[in-house]
Amino acid sequence: MPNDSRKRGYIRLATRFVIGMVGGFGLGYGAARLGWISLMKEQDWALDEVVSMGLALGLLLMGLFALYATSSTERYARLMPNRAEPDEPVEPADLKGGTAQAIVLILAGIMLPVPVILAHMDVAVELRWAAAAAIGVLLVVESWFNWKVWREADELSRAVIAGAGAASFWAMQLLLFVWAMLAKLALVPDLTSWGAITLLLFVYLVASGIVGVRRGLSAG
């Protein structure tokens, strides 16, 4: 039944969220034990910078998992239970699309933390320009893989991508207006550009999961 399938999808999504929260707590505890939290306090890291580091780690882990899962048809069938038809054979296009998505996630997980880390290091301007140029190249590569994912996606996957993009747009429009209004009234601090991109990434990840469940991609 569609409703039962959607319900299972939401349960699966909530379970992954809880697992991620527990894993994040464990990583935070480990970072505190290693002295990284104290170092961040000494360097006066902003909240959006800390959150973006967590997002980068999550993107990197998801990308590595997806890359491992798409390395063979057997692994894909076993580790990707969110396919629309779990009993259908795995096609080569499934592996290609999954690999491209994995590369997008990995590149995002690499690019996101670099500006934050370098911003708190005493490095020369030339090195910062070199890092910006390298990130620019990676951004072009990531954009190409994003286009490849869209071009080779089936109708259902394209609907999920478009739906997640639309949901993110409306959610961000609402959130940014509310925040700007509160900031203008001097009730909250102004949102930085880095805070905005961090919020956008978080909203898009949440929207992708919810739209995927509603479309049946995470209901297995």
N, C-alpha and C. Protein backbone atom coordinates (compact mmCIF):
# COMPACT_ATOMS: atom_id res chain seq x y z
N MET A 1 0.83 -1.19 0.00
CA MET A 1 0.00 0.00 0.00
C MET A 1 0.88 1.25 0.00
N PRO A 2 0.50 2.28 -0.77
CA PRO A 2 1.32 3.49 -0.83
C PRO A 2 1.51 4.15 0.53
N ASN A 3 0.42 4.22 1.33
CA ASN A 3 0.52 4.88 2.63
C ASN A 3 1.45 4.11 3.56
N ASP A 4 1.35 2.77 3.55
CA ASP A 4 2.25 1.96 4.37
C ASP A 4 3.69 2.13 3.92
N SER A 5 3.90 2.17 2.61
CA SER A 5 5.25 2.34 2.08
C SER A 5 5.82 3.69 2.48
N ARG A 6 4.98 4.72 2.41
CA ARG A 6 5.45 6.06 2.79
C ARG A 6 5.74 6.11 4.28
N LYS A 7 4.91 5.44 5.08
CA LYS A 7 5.14 5.42 6.52
C LYS A 7 6.46 4.75 6.85
N ARG A 8 6.75 3.63 6.16
CA ARG A 8 8.03 2.96 6.38
C ARG A 8 9.19 3.86 5.97
N GLY A 9 8.96 4.64 4.91
CA GLY A 9 10.01 5.56 4.47
C GLY A 9 10.31 6.62 5.51
N TYR A 10 9.25 7.18 6.12
CA TYR A 10 9.47 8.19 7.17
C TYR A 10 10.15 7.58 8.39
N ILE A 11 9.78 6.35 8.72
CA ILE A 11 10.43 5.68 9.85
C ILE A 11 11.91 5.46 9.55
N ARG A 12 12.20 5.04 8.30
CA ARG A 12 13.59 4.84 7.91
C ARG A 12 14.36 6.16 7.97
N LEU A 13 13.72 7.24 7.50
CA LEU A 13 14.37 8.55 7.51
C LEU A 13 14.63 9.01 8.94
N ALA A 14 13.64 8.83 9.83
CA ALA A 14 13.82 9.21 11.23
C ALA A 14 14.90 8.37 11.90
N THR A 15 14.95 7.08 11.55
CA THR A 15 15.98 6.21 12.12
C THR A 15 17.37 6.67 11.71
N ARG A 16 17.52 7.03 10.44
CA ARG A 16 18.82 7.52 9.98
C ARG A 16 19.19 8.81 10.69
N PHE A 17 18.19 9.66 10.94
CA PHE A 17 18.45 10.92 11.64
C PHE A 17 18.95 10.65 13.06
N VAL A 18 18.29 9.72 13.75
CA VAL A 18 18.69 9.39 15.12
C VAL A 18 20.10 8.80 15.13
N ILE A 19 20.37 7.89 14.17
CA ILE A 19 21.71 7.31 14.09
C ILE A 19 22.75 8.40 13.83
N GLY A 20 22.40 9.34 12.97
CA GLY A 20 23.31 10.44 12.69
C GLY A 20 23.55 11.31 13.92
N MET A 21 22.48 11.54 14.70
CA MET A 21 22.62 12.33 15.92
C MET A 21 23.54 11.63 16.92
N VAL A 22 23.33 10.32 17.08
CA VAL A 22 24.17 9.55 18.01
C VAL A 22 25.62 9.55 17.52
N GLY A 23 25.80 9.33 16.21
CA GLY A 23 27.15 9.37 15.66
C GLY A 23 27.79 10.73 15.82
N GLY A 24 27.00 11.79 15.60
CA GLY A 24 27.53 13.14 15.77
C GLY A 24 27.93 13.42 17.20
N PHE A 25 27.13 12.92 18.15
CA PHE A 25 27.48 13.09 19.55
C PHE A 25 28.80 12.39 19.87
N GLY A 26 28.95 11.18 19.31
CA GLY A 26 30.19 10.44 19.53
C GLY A 26 31.39 11.16 18.95
N LEU A 27 31.22 11.70 17.74
CA LEU A 27 32.32 12.45 17.12
C LEU A 27 32.63 13.71 17.91
N GLY A 28 31.58 14.38 18.40
CA GLY A 28 31.80 15.57 19.21
C GLY A 28 32.54 15.26 20.50
N TYR A 29 32.17 14.15 21.11
CA TYR A 29 32.86 13.73 22.34
C TYR A 29 34.33 13.42 22.05
N GLY A 30 34.56 12.72 20.92
CA GLY A 30 35.94 12.42 20.55
C GLY A 30 36.73 13.68 20.26
N ALA A 31 36.10 14.65 19.58
CA ALA A 31 36.77 15.91 19.28
C ALA A 31 37.12 16.66 20.56
N ALA A 32 36.21 16.60 21.54
CA ALA A 32 36.48 17.26 22.82
C ALA A 32 37.65 16.59 23.54
N ARG A 33 37.69 15.26 23.50
CA ARG A 33 38.77 14.53 24.15
C ARG A 33 40.12 14.84 23.51
N LEU A 34 40.11 15.07 22.19
CA LEU A 34 41.35 15.37 21.47
C LEU A 34 41.76 16.84 21.57
N GLY A 35 40.91 17.64 22.18
CA GLY A 35 41.23 19.05 22.35
C GLY A 35 40.79 19.94 21.21
N TRP A 36 40.06 19.38 20.23
CA TRP A 36 39.65 20.19 19.08
C TRP A 36 38.61 21.23 19.48
N ILE A 37 37.72 20.88 20.41
CA ILE A 37 36.70 21.84 20.84
C ILE A 37 37.35 23.04 21.52
N SER A 38 38.33 22.76 22.36
CA SER A 38 39.05 23.85 23.03
C SER A 38 39.77 24.74 22.02
N LEU A 39 40.33 24.11 20.99
CA LEU A 39 41.01 24.87 19.95
C LEU A 39 40.03 25.77 19.20
N MET A 40 38.84 25.24 18.91
CA MET A 40 37.82 26.05 18.23
C MET A 40 37.41 27.24 19.08
N LYS A 41 37.30 27.02 20.40
CA LYS A 41 36.96 28.13 21.29
C LYS A 41 38.06 29.18 21.32
N GLU A 42 39.31 28.72 21.35
CA GLU A 42 40.43 29.65 21.36
C GLU A 42 40.49 30.47 20.07
N GLN A 43 40.15 29.83 18.95
CA GLN A 43 40.17 30.52 17.66
C GLN A 43 38.86 31.24 17.36
N ASP A 44 37.93 31.19 18.31
CA ASP A 44 36.66 31.92 18.19
C ASP A 44 35.87 31.50 16.95
N TRP A 45 35.67 30.19 16.81
CA TRP A 45 34.86 29.70 15.69
C TRP A 45 33.40 30.09 15.90
N ALA A 46 32.76 30.51 14.82
CA ALA A 46 31.33 30.83 14.86
C ALA A 46 30.51 29.55 14.78
N LEU A 47 29.25 29.65 15.21
CA LEU A 47 28.38 28.47 15.20
C LEU A 47 28.19 27.93 13.79
N ASP A 48 28.01 28.82 12.80
CA ASP A 48 27.80 28.33 11.44
C ASP A 48 29.03 27.61 10.90
N GLU A 49 30.21 28.00 11.37
CA GLU A 49 31.43 27.31 10.94
C GLU A 49 31.49 25.90 11.51
N VAL A 50 31.12 25.77 12.78
CA VAL A 50 31.11 24.44 13.40
C VAL A 50 30.07 23.54 12.73
N VAL A 51 28.88 24.10 12.47
CA VAL A 51 27.83 23.31 11.83
C VAL A 51 28.25 22.88 10.43
N SER A 52 28.90 23.78 9.69
CA SER A 52 29.33 23.44 8.33
C SER A 52 30.37 22.32 8.35
N MET A 53 31.20 22.27 9.38
CA MET A 53 32.16 21.17 9.49
C MET A 53 31.43 19.85 9.71
N GLY A 54 30.38 19.88 10.53
CA GLY A 54 29.58 18.67 10.72
C GLY A 54 28.89 18.24 9.44
N LEU A 55 28.35 19.21 8.70
CA LEU A 55 27.72 18.89 7.42
C LEU A 55 28.73 18.30 6.44
N ALA A 56 29.92 18.88 6.41
CA ALA A 56 30.96 18.37 5.51
C ALA A 56 31.30 16.93 5.83
N LEU A 57 31.42 16.62 7.11
CA LEU A 57 31.72 15.25 7.51
C LEU A 57 30.59 14.31 7.10
N GLY A 58 29.35 14.76 7.30
CA GLY A 58 28.21 13.93 6.92
C GLY A 58 28.16 13.68 5.42
N LEU A 59 28.40 14.73 4.62
CA LEU A 59 28.41 14.58 3.17
C LEU A 59 29.51 13.63 2.72
N LEU A 60 30.67 13.75 3.34
CA LEU A 60 31.80 12.89 2.98
C LEU A 60 31.50 11.43 3.30
N LEU A 61 30.94 11.17 4.48
CA LEU A 61 30.62 9.80 4.86
C LEU A 61 29.53 9.21 3.96
N MET A 62 28.51 10.01 3.65
CA MET A 62 27.45 9.53 2.75
C MET A 62 28.01 9.23 1.36
N GLY A 63 28.91 10.11 0.89
CA GLY A 63 29.50 9.89 -0.42
C GLY A 63 30.35 8.64 -0.47
N LEU A 64 31.16 8.42 0.56
CA LEU A 64 32.00 7.22 0.60
C LEU A 64 31.15 5.95 0.68
N PHE A 65 30.07 6.01 1.46
CA PHE A 65 29.17 4.86 1.55
C PHE A 65 28.52 4.58 0.20
N ALA A 66 28.05 5.64 -0.47
CA ALA A 66 27.41 5.46 -1.78
C ALA A 66 28.41 4.94 -2.81
N LEU A 67 29.65 5.42 -2.73
CA LEU A 67 30.68 4.95 -3.66
C LEU A 67 30.96 3.47 -3.44
N TYR A 68 30.99 3.05 -2.19
CA TYR A 68 31.20 1.64 -1.88
C TYR A 68 30.01 0.80 -2.35
N ALA A 69 28.79 1.32 -2.12
CA ALA A 69 27.59 0.57 -2.48
C ALA A 69 27.44 0.40 -3.99
N THR A 70 27.95 1.36 -4.76
CA THR A 70 27.80 1.29 -6.22
C THR A 70 29.00 0.64 -6.90
N SER A 71 29.89 0.05 -6.11
CA SER A 71 31.08 -0.58 -6.69
C SER A 71 30.76 -1.94 -7.31
N SER A 72 29.58 -2.51 -7.01
CA SER A 72 29.18 -3.77 -7.63
C SER A 72 27.66 -3.88 -7.57
N THR A 73 27.10 -4.69 -8.46
CA THR A 73 25.64 -4.86 -8.48
C THR A 73 25.15 -5.55 -7.21
N GLU A 74 25.95 -6.48 -6.67
CA GLU A 74 25.53 -7.19 -5.46
C GLU A 74 25.45 -6.23 -4.28
N ARG A 75 26.47 -5.37 -4.13
CA ARG A 75 26.44 -4.41 -3.03
C ARG A 75 25.30 -3.42 -3.21
N TYR A 76 25.08 -2.99 -4.43
CA TYR A 76 24.01 -2.02 -4.68
C TYR A 76 22.65 -2.60 -4.30
N ALA A 77 22.41 -3.85 -4.70
CA ALA A 77 21.13 -4.49 -4.39
C ALA A 77 20.97 -4.70 -2.89
N ARG A 78 22.08 -4.94 -2.19
CA ARG A 78 22.00 -5.22 -0.76
C ARG A 78 21.96 -3.96 0.09
N LEU A 79 22.69 -2.93 -0.32
CA LEU A 79 22.86 -1.74 0.51
C LEU A 79 21.96 -0.58 0.12
N MET A 80 21.27 -0.68 -1.00
CA MET A 80 20.38 0.39 -1.44
C MET A 80 18.94 -0.09 -1.44
N PRO A 81 18.34 -0.29 -0.25
CA PRO A 81 16.97 -0.79 -0.18
C PRO A 81 15.92 0.25 -0.52
N ASN A 82 16.33 1.47 -0.84
CA ASN A 82 15.37 2.53 -1.12
C ASN A 82 15.02 2.63 -2.59
N ARG A 83 15.34 1.61 -3.37
CA ARG A 83 14.93 1.63 -4.77
C ARG A 83 13.43 1.45 -4.87
N ALA A 84 12.86 2.01 -5.95
CA ALA A 84 11.41 1.94 -6.11
C ALA A 84 10.92 0.51 -6.22
N GLU A 85 11.69 -0.36 -6.90
CA GLU A 85 11.33 -1.77 -7.05
C GLU A 85 12.51 -2.62 -6.57
N PRO A 86 12.54 -3.02 -5.29
CA PRO A 86 13.69 -3.73 -4.75
C PRO A 86 14.00 -5.04 -5.45
N ASP A 87 12.99 -5.68 -6.08
CA ASP A 87 13.21 -6.99 -6.69
C ASP A 87 13.71 -6.91 -8.13
N GLU A 88 13.69 -5.73 -8.72
CA GLU A 88 14.12 -5.63 -10.11
C GLU A 88 15.64 -5.70 -10.20
N PRO A 89 16.18 -6.22 -11.31
CA PRO A 89 17.64 -6.32 -11.44
C PRO A 89 18.30 -4.94 -11.49
N VAL A 90 19.52 -4.89 -11.02
CA VAL A 90 20.28 -3.64 -11.03
C VAL A 90 20.83 -3.40 -12.42
N GLU A 91 20.52 -2.26 -12.99
CA GLU A 91 20.99 -1.91 -14.32
C GLU A 91 22.32 -1.15 -14.23
N PRO A 92 23.14 -1.23 -15.28
CA PRO A 92 24.40 -0.45 -15.29
C PRO A 92 24.16 1.04 -15.09
N ALA A 93 23.03 1.54 -15.59
CA ALA A 93 22.73 2.96 -15.41
C ALA A 93 22.54 3.31 -13.94
N ASP A 94 22.01 2.36 -13.14
CA ASP A 94 21.86 2.60 -11.71
C ASP A 94 23.22 2.81 -11.05
N LEU A 95 24.18 1.97 -11.42
CA LEU A 95 25.52 2.09 -10.85
C LEU A 95 26.19 3.39 -11.28
N LYS A 96 26.04 3.75 -12.56
CA LYS A 96 26.65 4.98 -13.05
C LYS A 96 26.05 6.20 -12.36
N GLY A 97 24.73 6.22 -12.24
CA GLY A 97 24.09 7.35 -11.57
C GLY A 97 24.46 7.43 -10.11
N GLY A 98 24.50 6.27 -9.44
CA GLY A 98 24.87 6.26 -8.03
C GLY A 98 26.31 6.69 -7.81
N THR A 99 27.20 6.28 -8.71
CA THR A 99 28.60 6.69 -8.59
C THR A 99 28.75 8.20 -8.78
N ALA A 100 28.02 8.75 -9.76
CA ALA A 100 28.08 10.20 -9.99
C ALA A 100 27.56 10.96 -8.77
N GLN A 101 26.47 10.48 -8.17
CA GLN A 101 25.94 11.12 -6.97
C GLN A 101 26.94 11.03 -5.82
N ALA A 102 27.61 9.88 -5.71
CA ALA A 102 28.61 9.71 -4.65
C ALA A 102 29.75 10.71 -4.82
N ILE A 103 30.19 10.91 -6.06
CA ILE A 103 31.28 11.85 -6.32
C ILE A 103 30.86 13.27 -5.97
N VAL A 104 29.61 13.62 -6.27
CA VAL A 104 29.10 14.95 -5.91
C VAL A 104 29.16 15.16 -4.41
N LEU A 105 28.72 14.16 -3.65
CA LEU A 105 28.73 14.26 -2.19
C LEU A 105 30.15 14.37 -1.65
N ILE A 106 31.06 13.56 -2.19
CA ILE A 106 32.44 13.59 -1.72
C ILE A 106 33.10 14.93 -2.01
N LEU A 107 32.88 15.46 -3.22
CA LEU A 107 33.46 16.76 -3.56
C LEU A 107 32.91 17.86 -2.66
N ALA A 108 31.60 17.81 -2.37
CA ALA A 108 31.01 18.80 -1.47
C ALA A 108 31.62 18.68 -0.08
N GLY A 109 31.82 17.44 0.38
CA GLY A 109 32.41 17.22 1.69
C GLY A 109 33.85 17.68 1.78
N ILE A 110 34.54 17.74 0.63
CA ILE A 110 35.93 18.22 0.61
C ILE A 110 35.98 19.74 0.54
N MET A 111 35.12 20.33 -0.30
CA MET A 111 35.18 21.78 -0.52
C MET A 111 34.68 22.58 0.67
N LEU A 112 33.67 22.07 1.37
CA LEU A 112 33.02 22.86 2.42
C LEU A 112 33.93 23.23 3.59
N PRO A 113 34.75 22.32 4.11
CA PRO A 113 35.53 22.69 5.30
C PRO A 113 36.79 23.50 5.02
N VAL A 114 37.30 23.47 3.78
CA VAL A 114 38.58 24.11 3.50
C VAL A 114 38.58 25.61 3.79
N PRO A 115 37.59 26.39 3.32
CA PRO A 115 37.62 27.83 3.63
C PRO A 115 37.56 28.12 5.13
N VAL A 116 36.80 27.31 5.86
CA VAL A 116 36.68 27.53 7.30
C VAL A 116 38.01 27.27 8.00
N ILE A 117 38.66 26.18 7.64
CA ILE A 117 39.94 25.84 8.27
C ILE A 117 41.00 26.89 7.95
N LEU A 118 41.09 27.27 6.68
CA LEU A 118 42.11 28.26 6.30
C LEU A 118 41.83 29.63 6.90
N ALA A 119 40.55 29.95 7.12
CA ALA A 119 40.21 31.25 7.70
C ALA A 119 40.75 31.39 9.12
N HIS A 120 40.97 30.27 9.80
CA HIS A 120 41.47 30.30 11.17
C HIS A 120 42.95 29.92 11.26
N MET A 121 43.62 29.92 10.12
CA MET A 121 45.05 29.64 10.09
C MET A 121 45.80 30.87 9.60
N ASP A 122 46.99 31.04 10.11
CA ASP A 122 47.82 32.18 9.71
C ASP A 122 48.59 31.80 8.44
N VAL A 123 47.91 31.90 7.31
CA VAL A 123 48.53 31.53 6.04
C VAL A 123 48.60 32.75 5.14
N ALA A 124 49.51 32.71 4.19
CA ALA A 124 49.71 33.83 3.28
C ALA A 124 48.52 34.01 2.35
N VAL A 125 48.36 35.23 1.87
CA VAL A 125 47.26 35.52 0.95
C VAL A 125 47.38 34.67 -0.32
N GLU A 126 48.62 34.45 -0.76
CA GLU A 126 48.83 33.65 -1.97
C GLU A 126 48.28 32.23 -1.81
N LEU A 127 48.46 31.67 -0.62
CA LEU A 127 47.94 30.33 -0.37
C LEU A 127 46.42 30.33 -0.36
N ARG A 128 45.84 31.40 0.16
CA ARG A 128 44.37 31.50 0.17
C ARG A 128 43.83 31.60 -1.25
N TRP A 129 44.51 32.38 -2.10
CA TRP A 129 44.09 32.46 -3.49
C TRP A 129 44.25 31.12 -4.19
N ALA A 130 45.32 30.40 -3.88
CA ALA A 130 45.53 29.08 -4.48
C ALA A 130 44.43 28.12 -4.05
N ALA A 131 44.05 28.18 -2.76
CA ALA A 131 42.97 27.33 -2.27
C ALA A 131 41.65 27.69 -2.94
N ALA A 132 41.40 28.99 -3.10
CA ALA A 132 40.16 29.43 -3.77
C ALA A 132 40.12 28.94 -5.21
N ALA A 133 41.27 28.99 -5.90
CA ALA A 133 41.32 28.51 -7.28
C ALA A 133 41.08 27.01 -7.34
N ALA A 134 41.67 26.26 -6.41
CA ALA A 134 41.48 24.81 -6.39
C ALA A 134 40.02 24.46 -6.12
N ILE A 135 39.40 25.18 -5.18
CA ILE A 135 37.98 24.95 -4.90
C ILE A 135 37.14 25.29 -6.12
N GLY A 136 37.53 26.35 -6.84
CA GLY A 136 36.80 26.70 -8.06
C GLY A 136 36.84 25.59 -9.09
N VAL A 137 38.01 24.96 -9.24
CA VAL A 137 38.13 23.83 -10.17
C VAL A 137 37.25 22.67 -9.72
N LEU A 138 37.29 22.36 -8.43
CA LEU A 138 36.46 21.27 -7.91
C LEU A 138 34.97 21.59 -8.07
N LEU A 139 34.62 22.87 -7.95
CA LEU A 139 33.23 23.27 -8.12
C LEU A 139 32.76 23.04 -9.56
N VAL A 140 33.64 23.31 -10.52
CA VAL A 140 33.31 23.04 -11.92
C VAL A 140 33.11 21.54 -12.14
N VAL A 141 34.02 20.74 -11.56
CA VAL A 141 33.91 19.28 -11.69
C VAL A 141 32.61 18.78 -11.05
N GLU A 142 32.30 19.30 -9.86
CA GLU A 142 31.07 18.89 -9.18
C GLU A 142 29.85 19.28 -9.99
N SER A 143 29.86 20.47 -10.57
CA SER A 143 28.73 20.92 -11.39
C SER A 143 28.54 20.01 -12.60
N TRP A 144 29.65 19.57 -13.18
CA TRP A 144 29.55 18.66 -14.33
C TRP A 144 28.92 17.34 -13.91
N PHE A 145 29.32 16.81 -12.76
CA PHE A 145 28.73 15.56 -12.28
C PHE A 145 27.26 15.76 -11.92
N ASN A 146 26.92 16.93 -11.37
CA ASN A 146 25.51 17.22 -11.09
C ASN A 146 24.68 17.21 -12.37
N TRP A 147 25.23 17.83 -13.41
CA TRP A 147 24.54 17.83 -14.71
C TRP A 147 24.42 16.42 -15.26
N LYS A 148 25.46 15.61 -15.07
CA LYS A 148 25.46 14.22 -15.52
C LYS A 148 24.38 13.42 -14.79
N VAL A 149 24.25 13.66 -13.47
CA VAL A 149 23.21 12.98 -12.70
C VAL A 149 21.83 13.34 -13.23
N TRP A 150 21.61 14.63 -13.49
CA TRP A 150 20.31 15.08 -14.00
C TRP A 150 20.03 14.52 -15.39
N ARG A 151 21.03 14.53 -16.25
CA ARG A 151 20.83 14.09 -17.64
C ARG A 151 20.50 12.61 -17.71
N GLU A 152 21.12 11.80 -16.85
CA GLU A 152 20.95 10.35 -16.92
C GLU A 152 19.90 9.83 -15.94
N ALA A 153 19.28 10.73 -15.16
CA ALA A 153 18.28 10.29 -14.19
C ALA A 153 16.98 9.92 -14.88
N ASP A 154 16.22 9.01 -14.26
CA ASP A 154 14.90 8.68 -14.79
C ASP A 154 13.89 9.74 -14.35
N GLU A 155 12.65 9.57 -14.77
CA GLU A 155 11.64 10.59 -14.50
C GLU A 155 11.39 10.77 -13.01
N LEU A 156 11.39 9.66 -12.26
CA LEU A 156 11.14 9.74 -10.83
C LEU A 156 12.27 10.48 -10.11
N SER A 157 13.50 10.15 -10.46
CA SER A 157 14.65 10.81 -9.82
C SER A 157 14.67 12.30 -10.14
N ARG A 158 14.33 12.65 -11.38
CA ARG A 158 14.28 14.07 -11.75
C ARG A 158 13.19 14.79 -10.96
N ALA A 159 12.07 14.10 -10.74
CA ALA A 159 10.99 14.72 -9.97
C ALA A 159 11.43 14.98 -8.54
N VAL A 160 12.21 14.06 -7.97
CA VAL A 160 12.72 14.25 -6.61
C VAL A 160 13.69 15.42 -6.55
N ILE A 161 14.60 15.50 -7.53
CA ILE A 161 15.57 16.60 -7.57
C ILE A 161 14.86 17.94 -7.70
N ALA A 162 13.90 18.00 -8.63
CA ALA A 162 13.16 19.25 -8.84
C ALA A 162 12.32 19.60 -7.61
N GLY A 163 11.69 18.59 -7.02
CA GLY A 163 10.86 18.84 -5.84
C GLY A 163 11.67 19.32 -4.66
N ALA A 164 12.85 18.72 -4.46
CA ALA A 164 13.72 19.14 -3.36
C ALA A 164 14.21 20.57 -3.59
N GLY A 165 14.52 20.90 -4.84
CA GLY A 165 14.96 22.26 -5.14
C GLY A 165 13.86 23.28 -4.88
N ALA A 166 12.64 22.96 -5.30
CA ALA A 166 11.52 23.88 -5.08
C ALA A 166 11.22 24.03 -3.59
N ALA A 167 11.21 22.92 -2.86
CA ALA A 167 10.94 22.98 -1.42
C ALA A 167 12.01 23.79 -0.70
N SER A 168 13.27 23.61 -1.12
CA SER A 168 14.36 24.36 -0.50
C SER A 168 14.22 25.86 -0.76
N PHE A 169 13.81 26.20 -2.00
CA PHE A 169 13.64 27.62 -2.34
C PHE A 169 12.60 28.28 -1.44
N TRP A 170 11.43 27.65 -1.32
CA TRP A 170 10.37 28.25 -0.52
C TRP A 170 10.73 28.27 0.96
N ALA A 171 11.37 27.21 1.45
CA ALA A 171 11.77 27.18 2.86
C ALA A 171 12.82 28.24 3.16
N MET A 172 13.81 28.38 2.27
CA MET A 172 14.85 29.38 2.48
C MET A 172 14.29 30.79 2.37
N GLN A 173 13.36 31.00 1.45
CA GLN A 173 12.73 32.31 1.32
C GLN A 173 12.05 32.71 2.63
N LEU A 174 11.35 31.77 3.23
CA LEU A 174 10.66 32.04 4.49
C LEU A 174 11.65 32.25 5.62
N LEU A 175 12.63 31.35 5.74
CA LEU A 175 13.59 31.43 6.84
C LEU A 175 14.43 32.70 6.76
N LEU A 176 14.90 33.05 5.55
CA LEU A 176 15.73 34.24 5.41
C LEU A 176 14.94 35.52 5.67
N PHE A 177 13.68 35.54 5.25
CA PHE A 177 12.86 36.73 5.54
C PHE A 177 12.66 36.90 7.04
N VAL A 178 12.32 35.81 7.72
CA VAL A 178 12.09 35.89 9.17
C VAL A 178 13.37 36.33 9.87
N TRP A 179 14.52 35.75 9.46
CA TRP A 179 15.78 36.11 10.12
C TRP A 179 16.14 37.57 9.83
N ALA A 180 15.97 38.01 8.57
CA ALA A 180 16.29 39.39 8.22
C ALA A 180 15.40 40.37 8.99
N MET A 181 14.13 40.01 9.16
CA MET A 181 13.22 40.86 9.90
C MET A 181 13.65 40.98 11.36
N LEU A 182 14.01 39.84 11.97
CA LEU A 182 14.45 39.86 13.36
C LEU A 182 15.77 40.61 13.52
N ALA A 183 16.67 40.46 12.53
CA ALA A 183 17.95 41.17 12.58
C ALA A 183 17.74 42.67 12.44
N LYS A 184 16.82 43.08 11.58
CA LYS A 184 16.54 44.51 11.40
C LYS A 184 15.98 45.12 12.68
N LEU A 185 15.26 44.32 13.45
CA LEU A 185 14.72 44.78 14.73
C LEU A 185 15.73 44.62 15.86
N ALA A 186 16.96 44.23 15.51
CA ALA A 186 18.04 44.08 16.49
C ALA A 186 17.72 43.02 17.55
N LEU A 187 16.99 41.99 17.13
CA LEU A 187 16.65 40.90 18.05
C LEU A 187 17.59 39.72 17.91
N VAL A 188 18.20 39.59 16.74
CA VAL A 188 19.18 38.53 16.48
C VAL A 188 20.32 39.13 15.68
N PRO A 189 21.50 38.51 15.68
CA PRO A 189 22.60 39.03 14.86
C PRO A 189 22.34 38.79 13.37
N ASP A 190 23.00 39.59 12.54
CA ASP A 190 22.87 39.40 11.09
C ASP A 190 23.41 38.04 10.68
N LEU A 191 22.78 37.46 9.68
CA LEU A 191 23.23 36.17 9.15
C LEU A 191 24.37 36.40 8.17
N THR A 192 25.47 35.70 8.38
CA THR A 192 26.61 35.84 7.48
C THR A 192 26.37 35.05 6.20
N SER A 193 27.19 35.33 5.18
CA SER A 193 27.07 34.58 3.93
C SER A 193 27.37 33.11 4.15
N TRP A 194 28.33 32.82 5.04
CA TRP A 194 28.64 31.41 5.32
C TRP A 194 27.50 30.74 6.09
N GLY A 195 26.87 31.49 6.97
CA GLY A 195 25.71 30.95 7.67
C GLY A 195 24.57 30.66 6.71
N ALA A 196 24.40 31.51 5.70
CA ALA A 196 23.33 31.31 4.72
C ALA A 196 23.56 30.05 3.90
N ILE A 197 24.80 29.83 3.43
CA ILE A 197 25.06 28.65 2.61
C ILE A 197 24.99 27.38 3.46
N THR A 198 25.39 27.47 4.72
CA THR A 198 25.27 26.32 5.61
C THR A 198 23.81 25.96 5.84
N LEU A 199 22.98 26.98 6.06
CA LEU A 199 21.55 26.75 6.24
C LEU A 199 20.93 26.17 4.98
N LEU A 200 21.34 26.68 3.82
CA LEU A 200 20.81 26.18 2.55
C LEU A 200 21.13 24.70 2.36
N LEU A 201 22.36 24.31 2.64
CA LEU A 201 22.74 22.91 2.49
C LEU A 201 21.94 22.02 3.43
N PHE A 202 21.76 22.47 4.67
CA PHE A 202 21.00 21.68 5.64
C PHE A 202 19.55 21.53 5.19
N VAL A 203 18.94 22.64 4.75
CA VAL A 203 17.55 22.61 4.30
C VAL A 203 17.40 21.70 3.09
N TYR A 204 18.35 21.76 2.16
CA TYR A 204 18.25 20.92 0.96
C TYR A 204 18.37 19.44 1.30
N LEU A 205 19.25 19.09 2.23
CA LEU A 205 19.39 17.69 2.63
C LEU A 205 18.10 17.17 3.26
N VAL A 206 17.50 17.99 4.13
CA VAL A 206 16.24 17.59 4.75
C VAL A 206 15.13 17.47 3.70
N ALA A 207 15.06 18.46 2.81
CA ALA A 207 14.03 18.45 1.76
C ALA A 207 14.20 17.24 0.84
N SER A 208 15.44 16.90 0.51
CA SER A 208 15.68 15.75 -0.36
C SER A 208 15.17 14.46 0.28
N GLY A 209 15.43 14.32 1.59
CA GLY A 209 14.95 13.12 2.27
C GLY A 209 13.44 13.03 2.31
N ILE A 210 12.78 14.15 2.62
CA ILE A 210 11.32 14.15 2.71
C ILE A 210 10.68 13.93 1.35
N VAL A 211 11.17 14.64 0.33
CA VAL A 211 10.61 14.49 -1.02
C VAL A 211 10.86 13.07 -1.53
N GLY A 212 12.04 12.52 -1.22
CA GLY A 212 12.34 11.16 -1.64
C GLY A 212 11.36 10.16 -1.05
N VAL A 213 11.01 10.34 0.23
CA VAL A 213 10.04 9.45 0.87
C VAL A 213 8.67 9.60 0.21
N ARG A 214 8.25 10.84 -0.01
CA ARG A 214 6.93 11.06 -0.60
C ARG A 214 6.83 10.52 -2.02
N ARG A 215 7.96 10.50 -2.73
CA ARG A 215 7.97 9.97 -4.09
C ARG A 215 8.23 8.47 -4.15
N GLY A 216 8.56 7.89 -2.99
CA GLY A 216 8.75 6.44 -2.95
C GLY A 216 10.17 5.97 -3.10
N LEU A 217 11.15 6.89 -3.14
CA LEU A 217 12.54 6.47 -3.30
C LEU A 217 13.17 5.99 -2.00
N SER A 218 12.57 6.31 -0.87
CA SER A 218 13.14 5.90 0.41
C SER A 218 12.17 5.04 1.20
N ALA A 219 11.34 4.37 0.50
CA ALA A 219 10.29 3.62 1.18
C ALA A 219 10.55 2.14 1.24
N GLY A 220 11.73 1.72 0.81
CA GLY A 220 11.99 0.29 0.79
C GLY A 220 12.20 -0.30 2.15
